[in-house]
Amino acid sequence: MKMPNTPRRRFVLGLLVALMVMPVWAEPDDRHWDEDEKHDHERARHALRRGEVRPIAEILASVATQVPGDVVEVEFERKRKRGHGPPRWLYELKIIATDGRLLEVEVDAANGRILKVEED
């Protein structure tokens, strides 16, 4: 029996995916963030504790209202805006839209604002 593809189901599936990858994230000290990627999970956890980023559950709930679909991948990374300025935390989500397209959604982790939506 096929389960109905409801927005609630898509949200729950996306949340489960995010929770599965969550223990991989963290962050101790931002001074050398680009030198040692193996410590990214520690830096992310530290950023969350300091209030620099929003929790993934909050981000997923917000994005689900604006870009409906199934979240199939979540990345948490630090990038510079257009290669300049201070680095900032981003959530990069892969979402299979309700029309079947695979979308890449870039979200500012500090405030939850969607920065970019593009077809992947």
PDB file of N, CA and C in Angstrom:
ATOM      1  N   MET A   1       0.836  -1.170   0.000  1.00  0.00           N
ATOM      2  CA  MET A   1       0.000   0.000   0.000  1.00  0.00           C
ATOM      3  C   MET A   1       0.889   1.245   0.000  1.00  0.00           C
ATOM      4  N   LYS A   2       0.644   2.134  -0.904  1.00  0.00           N
ATOM      5  CA  LYS A   2       1.449   3.349  -1.018  1.00  0.00           C
ATOM      6  C   LYS A   2       0.939   4.398  -0.035  1.00  0.00           C
ATOM      7  N   MET A   3       1.885   5.007   0.687  1.00  0.00           N
ATOM      8  CA  MET A   3       1.531   6.058   1.645  1.00  0.00           C
ATOM      9  C   MET A   3       1.263   7.350   0.878  1.00  0.00           C
ATOM     10  N   PRO A   4       0.277   8.143   1.320  1.00  0.00           N
ATOM     11  CA  PRO A   4       0.015   9.414   0.638  1.00  0.00           C
ATOM     12  C   PRO A   4       1.193  10.369   0.818  1.00  0.00           C
ATOM     13  N   ASN A   5       1.482  11.143  -0.210  1.00  0.00           N
ATOM     14  CA  ASN A   5       2.597  12.083  -0.196  1.00  0.00           C
ATOM     15  C   ASN A   5       2.074  13.442   0.263  1.00  0.00           C
ATOM     16  N   THR A   6       1.939  13.606   1.589  1.00  0.00           N
ATOM     17  CA  THR A   6       1.391  14.829   2.158  1.00  0.00           C
ATOM     18  C   THR A   6       2.515  15.761   2.592  1.00  0.00           C
ATOM     19  N   PRO A   7       2.218  17.059   2.730  1.00  0.00           N
ATOM     20  CA  PRO A   7       3.248  17.990   3.212  1.00  0.00           C
ATOM     21  C   PRO A   7       3.786  17.576   4.586  1.00  0.00           C
ATOM     22  N   ARG A   8       2.907  17.085   5.447  1.00  0.00           N
ATOM     23  CA  ARG A   8       3.348  16.664   6.781  1.00  0.00           C
ATOM     24  C   ARG A   8       4.340  15.504   6.664  1.00  0.00           C
ATOM     25  N   ARG A   9       4.040  14.540   5.799  1.00  0.00           N
ATOM     26  CA  ARG A   9       4.923  13.392   5.612  1.00  0.00           C
ATOM     27  C   ARG A   9       6.274  13.853   5.064  1.00  0.00           C
ATOM     28  N   ARG A  10       6.254  14.760   4.094  1.00  0.00           N
ATOM     29  CA  ARG A  10       7.506  15.261   3.534  1.00  0.00           C
ATOM     30  C   ARG A  10       8.329  15.974   4.606  1.00  0.00           C
ATOM     31  N   PHE A  11       7.651  16.754   5.446  1.00  0.00           N
ATOM     32  CA  PHE A  11       8.344  17.466   6.513  1.00  0.00           C
ATOM     33  C   PHE A  11       8.990  16.477   7.485  1.00  0.00           C
ATOM     34  N   VAL A  12       8.227  15.471   7.896  1.00  0.00           N
ATOM     35  CA  VAL A  12       8.741  14.480   8.840  1.00  0.00           C
ATOM     36  C   VAL A  12       9.925  13.728   8.238  1.00  0.00           C
ATOM     37  N   LEU A  13       9.826  13.347   6.961  1.00  0.00           N
ATOM     38  CA  LEU A  13      10.940  12.657   6.305  1.00  0.00           C
ATOM     39  C   LEU A  13      12.181  13.546   6.248  1.00  0.00           C
ATOM     40  N   GLY A  14      11.977  14.809   5.917  1.00  0.00           N
ATOM     41  CA  GLY A  14      13.100  15.747   5.878  1.00  0.00           C
ATOM     42  C   GLY A  14      13.738  15.922   7.244  1.00  0.00           C
ATOM     43  N   LEU A  15      12.893  15.990   8.263  1.00  0.00           N
ATOM     44  CA  LEU A  15      13.394  16.130   9.624  1.00  0.00           C
ATOM     45  C   LEU A  15      14.199  14.898  10.030  1.00  0.00           C
ATOM     46  N   LEU A  16      13.717  13.727   9.666  1.00  0.00           N
ATOM     47  CA  LEU A  16      14.448  12.501   9.975  1.00  0.00           C
ATOM     48  C   LEU A  16      15.812  12.473   9.289  1.00  0.00           C
ATOM     49  N   VAL A  17      15.849  12.888   8.032  1.00  0.00           N
ATOM     50  CA  VAL A  17      17.127  12.943   7.316  1.00  0.00           C
ATOM     51  C   VAL A  17      18.076  13.899   8.034  1.00  0.00           C
ATOM     52  N   ALA A  18      17.555  15.053   8.420  1.00  0.00           N
ATOM     53  CA  ALA A  18      18.391  16.045   9.101  1.00  0.00           C
ATOM     54  C   ALA A  18      18.908  15.514  10.432  1.00  0.00           C
ATOM     55  N   LEU A  19      18.049  14.834  11.167  1.00  0.00           N
ATOM     56  CA  LEU A  19      18.472  14.295  12.453  1.00  0.00           C
ATOM     57  C   LEU A  19      19.526  13.205  12.288  1.00  0.00           C
ATOM     58  N   MET A  20      19.464  12.475  11.185  1.00  0.00           N
ATOM     59  CA  MET A  20      20.465  11.439  10.949  1.00  0.00           C
ATOM     60  C   MET A  20      21.842  12.042  10.694  1.00  0.00           C
ATOM     61  N   VAL A  21      21.905  13.194  10.041  1.00  0.00           N
ATOM     62  CA  VAL A  21      23.206  13.796   9.750  1.00  0.00           C
ATOM     63  C   VAL A  21      23.650  14.765  10.832  1.00  0.00           C
ATOM     64  N   MET A  22      22.760  15.132  11.730  1.00  0.00           N
ATOM     65  CA  MET A  22      23.053  16.124  12.752  1.00  0.00           C
ATOM     66  C   MET A  22      24.277  15.789  13.609  1.00  0.00           C
ATOM     67  N   PRO A  23      24.467  14.557  14.080  1.00  0.00           N
ATOM     68  CA  PRO A  23      25.645  14.283  14.910  1.00  0.00           C
ATOM     69  C   PRO A  23      26.970  14.520  14.193  1.00  0.00           C
ATOM     70  N   VAL A  24      26.956  14.641  12.899  1.00  0.00           N
ATOM     71  CA  VAL A  24      28.177  14.871  12.141  1.00  0.00           C
ATOM     72  C   VAL A  24      28.596  16.337  12.230  1.00  0.00           C
ATOM     73  N   TRP A  25      27.686  17.227  12.601  1.00  0.00           N
ATOM     74  CA  TRP A  25      27.975  18.658  12.640  1.00  0.00           C
ATOM     75  C   TRP A  25      28.568  19.062  13.983  1.00  0.00           C
ATOM     76  N   ALA A  26      29.416  20.110  13.982  1.00  0.00           N
ATOM     77  CA  ALA A  26      29.905  20.734  15.210  1.00  0.00           C
ATOM     78  C   ALA A  26      31.012  21.731  14.919  1.00  0.00           C
ATOM     79  N   GLU A  27      31.523  22.439  15.978  1.00  0.00           N
ATOM     80  CA  GLU A  27      32.545  23.452  15.690  1.00  0.00           C
ATOM     81  C   GLU A  27      33.208  24.061  16.930  1.00  0.00           C
ATOM     82  N   PRO A  28      34.532  23.937  17.128  1.00  0.00           N
ATOM     83  CA  PRO A  28      35.191  24.499  18.288  1.00  0.00           C
ATOM     84  C   PRO A  28      35.619  25.950  18.127  1.00  0.00           C
ATOM     85  N   ASP A  29      36.487  26.242  17.197  1.00  0.00           N
ATOM     86  CA  ASP A  29      37.065  27.571  17.073  1.00  0.00           C
ATOM     87  C   ASP A  29      37.029  28.005  15.620  1.00  0.00           C
ATOM     88  N   ASP A  30      36.480  29.178  15.377  1.00  0.00           N
ATOM     89  CA  ASP A  30      36.301  29.656  14.004  1.00  0.00           C
ATOM     90  C   ASP A  30      37.580  30.172  13.364  1.00  0.00           C
ATOM     91  N   ARG A  31      38.633  30.347  14.105  1.00  0.00           N
ATOM     92  CA  ARG A  31      39.840  30.947  13.544  1.00  0.00           C
ATOM     93  C   ARG A  31      40.434  30.127  12.404  1.00  0.00           C
ATOM     94  N   HIS A  32      40.326  28.823  12.483  1.00  0.00           N
ATOM     95  CA  HIS A  32      40.936  27.964  11.470  1.00  0.00           C
ATOM     96  C   HIS A  32      39.888  27.105  10.785  1.00  0.00           C
ATOM     97  N   TRP A  33      38.705  27.658  10.576  1.00  0.00           N
ATOM     98  CA  TRP A  33      37.580  26.868  10.051  1.00  0.00           C
ATOM     99  C   TRP A  33      37.877  26.234   8.713  1.00  0.00           C
ATOM    100  N   ASP A  34      38.663  26.890   7.881  1.00  0.00           N
ATOM    101  CA  ASP A  34      38.911  26.335   6.552  1.00  0.00           C
ATOM    102  C   ASP A  34      40.149  25.438   6.505  1.00  0.00           C
ATOM    103  N   GLU A  35      40.880  25.338   7.594  1.00  0.00           N
ATOM    104  CA  GLU A  35      42.109  24.556   7.599  1.00  0.00           C
ATOM    105  C   GLU A  35      41.880  23.076   7.911  1.00  0.00           C
ATOM    106  N   ASP A  36      40.831  22.788   8.653  1.00  0.00           N
ATOM    107  CA  ASP A  36      40.663  21.411   9.096  1.00  0.00           C
ATOM    108  C   ASP A  36      39.192  21.032   9.073  1.00  0.00           C
ATOM    109  N   GLU A  37      38.732  20.535   7.935  1.00  0.00           N
ATOM    110  CA  GLU A  37      37.322  20.223   7.768  1.00  0.00           C
ATOM    111  C   GLU A  37      36.850  19.088   8.661  1.00  0.00           C
ATOM    112  N   LYS A  38      37.753  18.269   9.164  1.00  0.00           N
ATOM    113  CA  LYS A  38      37.317  17.155   9.995  1.00  0.00           C
ATOM    114  C   LYS A  38      36.723  17.631  11.316  1.00  0.00           C
ATOM    115  N   HIS A  39      36.946  18.885  11.681  1.00  0.00           N
ATOM    116  CA  HIS A  39      36.387  19.428  12.915  1.00  0.00           C
ATOM    117  C   HIS A  39      35.133  20.264  12.669  1.00  0.00           C
ATOM    118  N   ASP A  40      34.586  20.217  11.475  1.00  0.00           N
ATOM    119  CA  ASP A  40      33.398  21.010  11.164  1.00  0.00           C
ATOM    120  C   ASP A  40      32.240  20.718  12.107  1.00  0.00           C
ATOM    121  N   HIS A  41      32.037  19.468  12.461  1.00  0.00           N
ATOM    122  CA  HIS A  41      30.913  19.130  13.335  1.00  0.00           C
ATOM    123  C   HIS A  41      31.063  19.788  14.703  1.00  0.00           C
ATOM    124  N   GLU A  42      32.287  19.902  15.203  1.00  0.00           N
ATOM    125  CA  GLU A  42      32.515  20.561  16.483  1.00  0.00           C
ATOM    126  C   GLU A  42      32.259  22.063  16.379  1.00  0.00           C
ATOM    127  N   ARG A  43      32.682  22.662  15.274  1.00  0.00           N
ATOM    128  CA  ARG A  43      32.452  24.097  15.072  1.00  0.00           C
ATOM    129  C   ARG A  43      30.961  24.398  14.941  1.00  0.00           C
ATOM    130  N   ALA A  44      30.232  23.526  14.275  1.00  0.00           N
ATOM    131  CA  ALA A  44      28.789  23.724  14.107  1.00  0.00           C
ATOM    132  C   ALA A  44      28.074  23.650  15.449  1.00  0.00           C
ATOM    133  N   ARG A  45      28.423  22.676  16.249  1.00  0.00           N
ATOM    134  CA  ARG A  45      27.796  22.543  17.571  1.00  0.00           C
ATOM    135  C   ARG A  45      28.087  23.779  18.419  1.00  0.00           C
ATOM    136  N   HIS A  46      29.307  24.245  18.347  1.00  0.00           N
ATOM    137  CA  HIS A  46      29.694  25.435  19.103  1.00  0.00           C
ATOM    138  C   HIS A  46      28.918  26.665  18.609  1.00  0.00           C
ATOM    139  N   ALA A  47      28.777  26.800  17.297  1.00  0.00           N
ATOM    140  CA  ALA A  47      28.019  27.926  16.729  1.00  0.00           C
ATOM    141  C   ALA A  47      26.563  27.880  17.181  1.00  0.00           C
ATOM    142  N   LEU A  48      25.987  26.692  17.258  1.00  0.00           N
ATOM    143  CA  LEU A  48      24.604  26.547  17.721  1.00  0.00           C
ATOM    144  C   LEU A  48      24.496  26.952  19.184  1.00  0.00           C
ATOM    145  N   ARG A  49      25.431  26.506  20.003  1.00  0.00           N
ATOM    146  CA  ARG A  49      25.424  26.877  21.427  1.00  0.00           C
ATOM    147  C   ARG A  49      25.572  28.380  21.626  1.00  0.00           C
ATOM    148  N   ARG A  50      26.379  29.013  20.785  1.00  0.00           N
ATOM    149  CA  ARG A  50      26.588  30.466  20.891  1.00  0.00           C
ATOM    150  C   ARG A  50      25.424  31.263  20.314  1.00  0.00           C
ATOM    151  N   GLY A  51      24.477  30.580  19.687  1.00  0.00           N
ATOM    152  CA  GLY A  51      23.328  31.278  19.109  1.00  0.00           C
ATOM    153  C   GLY A  51      23.619  31.900  17.759  1.00  0.00           C
ATOM    154  N   GLU A  52      24.704  31.484  17.118  1.00  0.00           N
ATOM    155  CA  GLU A  52      25.058  32.036  15.807  1.00  0.00           C
ATOM    156  C   GLU A  52      24.232  31.432  14.682  1.00  0.00           C
ATOM    157  N   VAL A  53      23.664  30.259  14.918  1.00  0.00           N
ATOM    158  CA  VAL A  53      22.868  29.579  13.893  1.00  0.00           C
ATOM    159  C   VAL A  53      21.557  29.097  14.504  1.00  0.00           C
ATOM    160  N   ARG A  54      20.562  28.903  13.638  1.00  0.00           N
ATOM    161  CA  ARG A  54      19.262  28.382  14.056  1.00  0.00           C
ATOM    162  C   ARG A  54      19.313  26.856  13.975  1.00  0.00           C
ATOM    163  N   PRO A  55      18.559  26.172  14.829  1.00  0.00           N
ATOM    164  CA  PRO A  55      18.517  24.703  14.766  1.00  0.00           C
ATOM    165  C   PRO A  55      17.936  24.220  13.439  1.00  0.00           C
ATOM    166  N   ILE A  56      18.388  23.065  12.984  1.00  0.00           N
ATOM    167  CA  ILE A  56      17.941  22.535  11.701  1.00  0.00           C
ATOM    168  C   ILE A  56      16.434  22.306  11.679  1.00  0.00           C
ATOM    169  N   ALA A  57      15.840  21.890  12.783  1.00  0.00           N
ATOM    170  CA  ALA A  57      14.390  21.656  12.811  1.00  0.00           C
ATOM    171  C   ALA A  57      13.633  22.948  12.494  1.00  0.00           C
ATOM    172  N   GLU A  58      14.107  24.052  13.032  1.00  0.00           N
ATOM    173  CA  GLU A  58      13.488  25.355  12.768  1.00  0.00           C
ATOM    174  C   GLU A  58      13.654  25.744  11.293  1.00  0.00           C
ATOM    175  N   ILE A  59      14.830  25.515  10.757  1.00  0.00           N
ATOM    176  CA  ILE A  59      15.101  25.834   9.353  1.00  0.00           C
ATOM    177  C   ILE A  59      14.209  25.003   8.440  1.00  0.00           C
ATOM    178  N   LEU A  60      14.119  23.694   8.711  1.00  0.00           N
ATOM    179  CA  LEU A  60      13.304  22.817   7.865  1.00  0.00           C
ATOM    180  C   LEU A  60      11.832  23.211   7.894  1.00  0.00           C
ATOM    181  N   ALA A  61      11.327  23.575   9.063  1.00  0.00           N
ATOM    182  CA  ALA A  61       9.923  23.983   9.163  1.00  0.00           C
ATOM    183  C   ALA A  61       9.666  25.236   8.339  1.00  0.00           C
ATOM    184  N   SER A  62      10.569  26.193   8.412  1.00  0.00           N
ATOM    185  CA  SER A  62      10.422  27.435   7.660  1.00  0.00           C
ATOM    186  C   SER A  62      10.514  27.196   6.157  1.00  0.00           C
ATOM    187  N   VAL A  63      11.509  26.428   5.742  1.00  0.00           N
ATOM    188  CA  VAL A  63      11.711  26.171   4.313  1.00  0.00           C
ATOM    189  C   VAL A  63      10.538  25.385   3.730  1.00  0.00           C
ATOM    190  N   ALA A  64       9.972  24.458   4.511  1.00  0.00           N
ATOM    191  CA  ALA A  64       8.861  23.630   4.023  1.00  0.00           C
ATOM    192  C   ALA A  64       7.662  24.474   3.600  1.00  0.00           C
ATOM    193  N   THR A  65       7.467  25.624   4.233  1.00  0.00           N
ATOM    194  CA  THR A  65       6.340  26.485   3.861  1.00  0.00           C
ATOM    195  C   THR A  65       6.611  27.264   2.580  1.00  0.00           C
ATOM    196  N   GLN A  66       7.887  27.453   2.260  1.00  0.00           N
ATOM    197  CA  GLN A  66       8.251  28.253   1.093  1.00  0.00           C
ATOM    198  C   GLN A  66       8.656  27.419  -0.120  1.00  0.00           C
ATOM    199  N   VAL A  67       9.256  26.257   0.136  1.00  0.00           N
ATOM    200  CA  VAL A  67       9.703  25.368  -0.937  1.00  0.00           C
ATOM    201  C   VAL A  67       9.203  23.961  -0.593  1.00  0.00           C
ATOM    202  N   PRO A  68       7.949  23.665  -0.918  1.00  0.00           N
ATOM    203  CA  PRO A  68       7.407  22.358  -0.556  1.00  0.00           C
ATOM    204  C   PRO A  68       8.076  21.230  -1.331  1.00  0.00           C
ATOM    205  N   GLY A  69       8.248  20.118  -0.665  1.00  0.00           N
ATOM    206  CA  GLY A  69       8.860  18.949  -1.286  1.00  0.00           C
ATOM    207  C   GLY A  69       9.504  18.066  -0.243  1.00  0.00           C
ATOM    208  N   ASP A  70      10.247  17.070  -0.703  1.00  0.00           N
ATOM    209  CA  ASP A  70      10.935  16.125   0.180  1.00  0.00           C
ATOM    210  C   ASP A  70      12.402  16.500   0.301  1.00  0.00           C
ATOM    211  N   VAL A  71      12.854  16.756   1.524  1.00  0.00           N
ATOM    212  CA  VAL A  71      14.266  17.038   1.769  1.00  0.00           C
ATOM    213  C   VAL A  71      15.014  15.710   1.703  1.00  0.00           C
ATOM    214  N   VAL A  72      15.985  15.623   0.796  1.00  0.00           N
ATOM    215  CA  VAL A  72      16.724  14.373   0.616  1.00  0.00           C
ATOM    216  C   VAL A  72      18.191  14.490   1.020  1.00  0.00           C
ATOM    217  N   GLU A  73      18.656  15.721   1.247  1.00  0.00           N
ATOM    218  CA  GLU A  73      20.050  15.905   1.671  1.00  0.00           C
ATOM    219  C   GLU A  73      20.170  17.232   2.391  1.00  0.00           C
ATOM    220  N   VAL A  74      20.998  17.245   3.431  1.00  0.00           N
ATOM    221  CA  VAL A  74      21.264  18.471   4.183  1.00  0.00           C
ATOM    222  C   VAL A  74      22.769  18.599   4.351  1.00  0.00           C
ATOM    223  N   GLU A  75      23.293  19.773   4.019  1.00  0.00           N
ATOM    224  CA  GLU A  75      24.705  20.074   4.278  1.00  0.00           C
ATOM    225  C   GLU A  75      24.760  21.320   5.142  1.00  0.00           C
ATOM    226  N   PHE A  76      25.744  21.376   6.005  1.00  0.00           N
ATOM    227  CA  PHE A  76      25.960  22.526   6.867  1.00  0.00           C
ATOM    228  C   PHE A  76      27.379  22.973   6.607  1.00  0.00           C
ATOM    229  N   GLU A  77      27.532  24.170   6.064  1.00  0.00           N
ATOM    230  CA  GLU A  77      28.873  24.595   5.673  1.00  0.00           C
ATOM    231  C   GLU A  77      29.083  26.073   5.932  1.00  0.00           C
ATOM    232  N   ARG A  78      30.317  26.441   5.854  1.00  0.00           N
ATOM    233  CA  ARG A  78      30.709  27.827   6.081  1.00  0.00           C
ATOM    234  C   ARG A  78      31.273  28.370   4.779  1.00  0.00           C
ATOM    235  N   LYS A  79      30.719  29.486   4.304  1.00  0.00           N
ATOM    236  CA  LYS A  79      31.166  30.090   3.043  1.00  0.00           C
ATOM    237  C   LYS A  79      31.253  31.598   3.187  1.00  0.00           C
ATOM    238  N   ARG A  80      32.059  32.157   2.308  1.00  0.00           N
ATOM    239  CA  ARG A  80      32.125  33.614   2.194  1.00  0.00           C
ATOM    240  C   ARG A  80      31.135  34.054   1.126  1.00  0.00           C
ATOM    241  N   LYS A  81      30.498  35.179   1.353  1.00  0.00           N
ATOM    242  CA  LYS A  81      29.559  35.720   0.378  1.00  0.00           C
ATOM    243  C   LYS A  81      30.334  36.177  -0.847  1.00  0.00           C
ATOM    244  N   ARG A  82      30.075  35.528  -1.989  1.00  0.00           N
ATOM    245  CA  ARG A  82      30.745  35.845  -3.255  1.00  0.00           C
ATOM    246  C   ARG A  82      32.267  35.895  -3.106  1.00  0.00           C
ATOM    247  N   GLY A  83      32.794  35.081  -2.200  1.00  0.00           N
ATOM    248  CA  GLY A  83      34.236  35.002  -2.023  1.00  0.00           C
ATOM    249  C   GLY A  83      34.839  36.121  -1.197  1.00  0.00           C
ATOM    250  N   HIS A  84      34.017  37.044  -0.693  1.00  0.00           N
ATOM    251  CA  HIS A  84      34.520  38.189   0.070  1.00  0.00           C
ATOM    252  C   HIS A  84      33.825  38.265   1.421  1.00  0.00           C
ATOM    253  N   GLY A  85      34.395  39.056   2.301  1.00  0.00           N
ATOM    254  CA  GLY A  85      33.787  39.282   3.602  1.00  0.00           C
ATOM    255  C   GLY A  85      33.974  38.108   4.539  1.00  0.00           C
ATOM    256  N   PRO A  86      33.409  38.251   5.738  1.00  0.00           N
ATOM    257  CA  PRO A  86      33.566  37.171   6.717  1.00  0.00           C
ATOM    258  C   PRO A  86      32.751  35.944   6.302  1.00  0.00           C
ATOM    259  N   PRO A  87      33.223  34.765   6.647  1.00  0.00           N
ATOM    260  CA  PRO A  87      32.459  33.561   6.316  1.00  0.00           C
ATOM    261  C   PRO A  87      31.183  33.499   7.147  1.00  0.00           C
ATOM    262  N   ARG A  88      30.171  32.833   6.599  1.00  0.00           N
ATOM    263  CA  ARG A  88      28.927  32.659   7.345  1.00  0.00           C
ATOM    264  C   ARG A  88      28.444  31.221   7.186  1.00  0.00           C
ATOM    265  N   TRP A  89      27.656  30.801   8.151  1.00  0.00           N
ATOM    266  CA  TRP A  89      27.108  29.452   8.138  1.00  0.00           C
ATOM    267  C   TRP A  89      25.911  29.373   7.210  1.00  0.00           C
ATOM    268  N   LEU A  90      25.863  28.283   6.435  1.00  0.00           N
ATOM    269  CA  LEU A  90      24.756  28.046   5.510  1.00  0.00           C
ATOM    270  C   LEU A  90      24.258  26.617   5.656  1.00  0.00           C
ATOM    271  N   TYR A  91      22.952  26.461   5.522  1.00  0.00           N
ATOM    272  CA  TYR A  91      22.365  25.139   5.337  1.00  0.00           C
ATOM    273  C   TYR A  91      22.119  25.019   3.840  1.00  0.00           C
ATOM    274  N   GLU A  92      22.588  23.939   3.258  1.00  0.00           N
ATOM    275  CA  GLU A  92      22.326  23.675   1.844  1.00  0.00           C
ATOM    276  C   GLU A  92      21.439  22.435   1.790  1.00  0.00           C
ATOM    277  N   LEU A  93      20.228  22.613   1.283  1.00  0.00           N
ATOM    278  CA  LEU A  93      19.248  21.531   1.251  1.00  0.00           C
ATOM    279  C   LEU A  93      19.017  21.078  -0.177  1.00  0.00           C
ATOM    280  N   LYS A  94      18.890  19.781  -0.367  1.00  0.00           N
ATOM    281  CA  LYS A  94      18.450  19.228  -1.653  1.00  0.00           C
ATOM    282  C   LYS A  94      17.010  18.802  -1.421  1.00  0.00           C
ATOM    283  N   ILE A  95      16.121  19.331  -2.246  1.00  0.00           N
ATOM    284  CA  ILE A  95      14.692  19.070  -2.092  1.00  0.00           C
ATOM    285  C   ILE A  95      14.132  18.569  -3.410  1.00  0.00           C
ATOM    286  N   ILE A  96      13.397  17.466  -3.345  1.00  0.00           N
ATOM    287  CA  ILE A  96      12.648  17.021  -4.519  1.00  0.00           C
ATOM    288  C   ILE A  96      11.307  17.732  -4.438  1.00  0.00           C
ATOM    289  N   ALA A  97      11.109  18.683  -5.335  1.00  0.00           N
ATOM    290  CA  ALA A  97       9.899  19.505  -5.338  1.00  0.00           C
ATOM    291  C   ALA A  97       8.683  18.651  -5.676  1.00  0.00           C
ATOM    292  N   THR A  98       7.516  19.188  -5.380  1.00  0.00           N
ATOM    293  CA  THR A  98       6.275  18.457  -5.641  1.00  0.00           C
ATOM    294  C   THR A  98       6.091  18.156  -7.121  1.00  0.00           C
ATOM    295  N   ASP A  99       6.741  18.921  -7.993  1.00  0.00           N
ATOM    296  CA  ASP A  99       6.641  18.655  -9.435  1.00  0.00           C
ATOM    297  C   ASP A  99       7.753  17.721  -9.928  1.00  0.00           C
ATOM    298  N   GLY A 100       8.582  17.199  -8.986  1.00  0.00           N
ATOM    299  CA  GLY A 100       9.603  16.223  -9.344  1.00  0.00           C
ATOM    300  C   GLY A 100      10.988  16.789  -9.606  1.00  0.00           C
ATOM    301  N   ARG A 101      11.126  18.108  -9.675  1.00  0.00           N
ATOM    302  CA  ARG A 101      12.449  18.699  -9.907  1.00  0.00           C
ATOM    303  C   ARG A 101      13.311  18.585  -8.655  1.00  0.00           C
ATOM    304  N   LEU A 102      14.627  18.420  -8.845  1.00  0.00           N
ATOM    305  CA  LEU A 102      15.569  18.424  -7.732  1.00  0.00           C
ATOM    306  C   LEU A 102      16.081  19.850  -7.565  1.00  0.00           C
ATOM    307  N   LEU A 103      15.835  20.416  -6.392  1.00  0.00           N
ATOM    308  CA  LEU A 103      16.220  21.795  -6.117  1.00  0.00           C
ATOM    309  C   LEU A 103      17.324  21.838  -5.072  1.00  0.00           C
ATOM    310  N   GLU A 104      18.221  22.805  -5.235  1.00  0.00           N
ATOM    311  CA  GLU A 104      19.223  23.096  -4.222  1.00  0.00           C
ATOM    312  C   GLU A 104      18.809  24.410  -3.582  1.00  0.00           C
ATOM    313  N   VAL A 105      18.612  24.383  -2.271  1.00  0.00           N
ATOM    314  CA  VAL A 105      18.149  25.560  -1.542  1.00  0.00           C
ATOM    315  C   VAL A 105      19.227  25.950  -0.541  1.00  0.00           C
ATOM    316  N   GLU A 106      19.714  27.181  -0.658  1.00  0.00           N
ATOM    317  CA  GLU A 106      20.745  27.687   0.243  1.00  0.00           C
ATOM    318  C   GLU A 106      20.075  28.609   1.253  1.00  0.00           C
ATOM    319  N   VAL A 107      20.303  28.329   2.542  1.00  0.00           N
ATOM    320  CA  VAL A 107      19.632  29.060   3.616  1.00  0.00           C
ATOM    321  C   VAL A 107      20.678  29.632   4.566  1.00  0.00           C
ATOM    322  N   ASP A 108      20.519  30.903   4.922  1.00  0.00           N
ATOM    323  CA  ASP A 108      21.391  31.524   5.913  1.00  0.00           C
ATOM    324  C   ASP A 108      21.085  30.879   7.262  1.00  0.00           C
ATOM    325  N   ALA A 109      22.065  30.225   7.863  1.00  0.00           N
ATOM    326  CA  ALA A 109      21.842  29.490   9.108  1.00  0.00           C
ATOM    327  C   ALA A 109      21.593  30.412  10.295  1.00  0.00           C
ATOM    328  N   ALA A 110      21.998  31.663  10.201  1.00  0.00           N
ATOM    329  CA  ALA A 110      21.821  32.594  11.310  1.00  0.00           C
ATOM    330  C   ALA A 110      20.385  33.081  11.447  1.00  0.00           C
ATOM    331  N   ASN A 111      19.708  33.277  10.315  1.00  0.00           N
ATOM    332  CA  ASN A 111      18.361  33.853  10.386  1.00  0.00           C
ATOM    333  C   ASN A 111      17.295  33.052   9.637  1.00  0.00           C
ATOM    334  N   GLY A 112      17.680  31.998   8.948  1.00  0.00           N
ATOM    335  CA  GLY A 112      16.713  31.158   8.243  1.00  0.00           C
ATOM    336  C   GLY A 112      16.259  31.698   6.904  1.00  0.00           C
ATOM    337  N   ARG A 113      16.852  32.793   6.461  1.00  0.00           N
ATOM    338  CA  ARG A 113      16.440  33.389   5.180  1.00  0.00           C
ATOM    339  C   ARG A 113      16.958  32.552   4.017  1.00  0.00           C
ATOM    340  N   ILE A 114      16.062  32.283   3.064  1.00  0.00           N
ATOM    341  CA  ILE A 114      16.463  31.556   1.863  1.00  0.00           C
ATOM    342  C   ILE A 114      17.257  32.507   0.978  1.00  0.00           C
ATOM    343  N   LEU A 115      18.478  32.114   0.653  1.00  0.00           N
ATOM    344  CA  LEU A 115      19.358  32.953  -0.153  1.00  0.00           C
ATOM    345  C   LEU A 115      19.290  32.607  -1.633  1.00  0.00           C
ATOM    346  N   LYS A 116      19.059  31.309  -1.918  1.00  0.00           N
ATOM    347  CA  LYS A 116      19.094  30.889  -3.315  1.00  0.00           C
ATOM    348  C   LYS A 116      18.293  29.605  -3.460  1.00  0.00           C
ATOM    349  N   VAL A 117      17.541  29.523  -4.548  1.00  0.00           N
ATOM    350  CA  VAL A 117      16.875  28.281  -4.939  1.00  0.00           C
ATOM    351  C   VAL A 117      17.210  28.074  -6.400  1.00  0.00           C
ATOM    352  N   GLU A 118      17.828  26.937  -6.700  1.00  0.00           N
ATOM    353  CA  GLU A 118      18.145  26.656  -8.091  1.00  0.00           C
ATOM    354  C   GLU A 118      17.942  25.181  -8.379  1.00  0.00           C
ATOM    355  N   GLU A 119      17.669  24.898  -9.639  1.00  0.00           N
ATOM    356  CA  GLU A 119      17.493  23.516 -10.053  1.00  0.00           C
ATOM    357  C   GLU A 119      18.861  22.853 -10.094  1.00  0.00           C
ATOM    358  N   ASP A 120      18.937  21.665  -9.527  1.00  0.00           N
ATOM    359  CA  ASP A 120      20.218  20.960  -9.442  1.00  0.00           C
ATOM    360  C   ASP A 120      20.375  19.973 -10.575  1.00  0.00           C
TER     361      ASP A 120
END
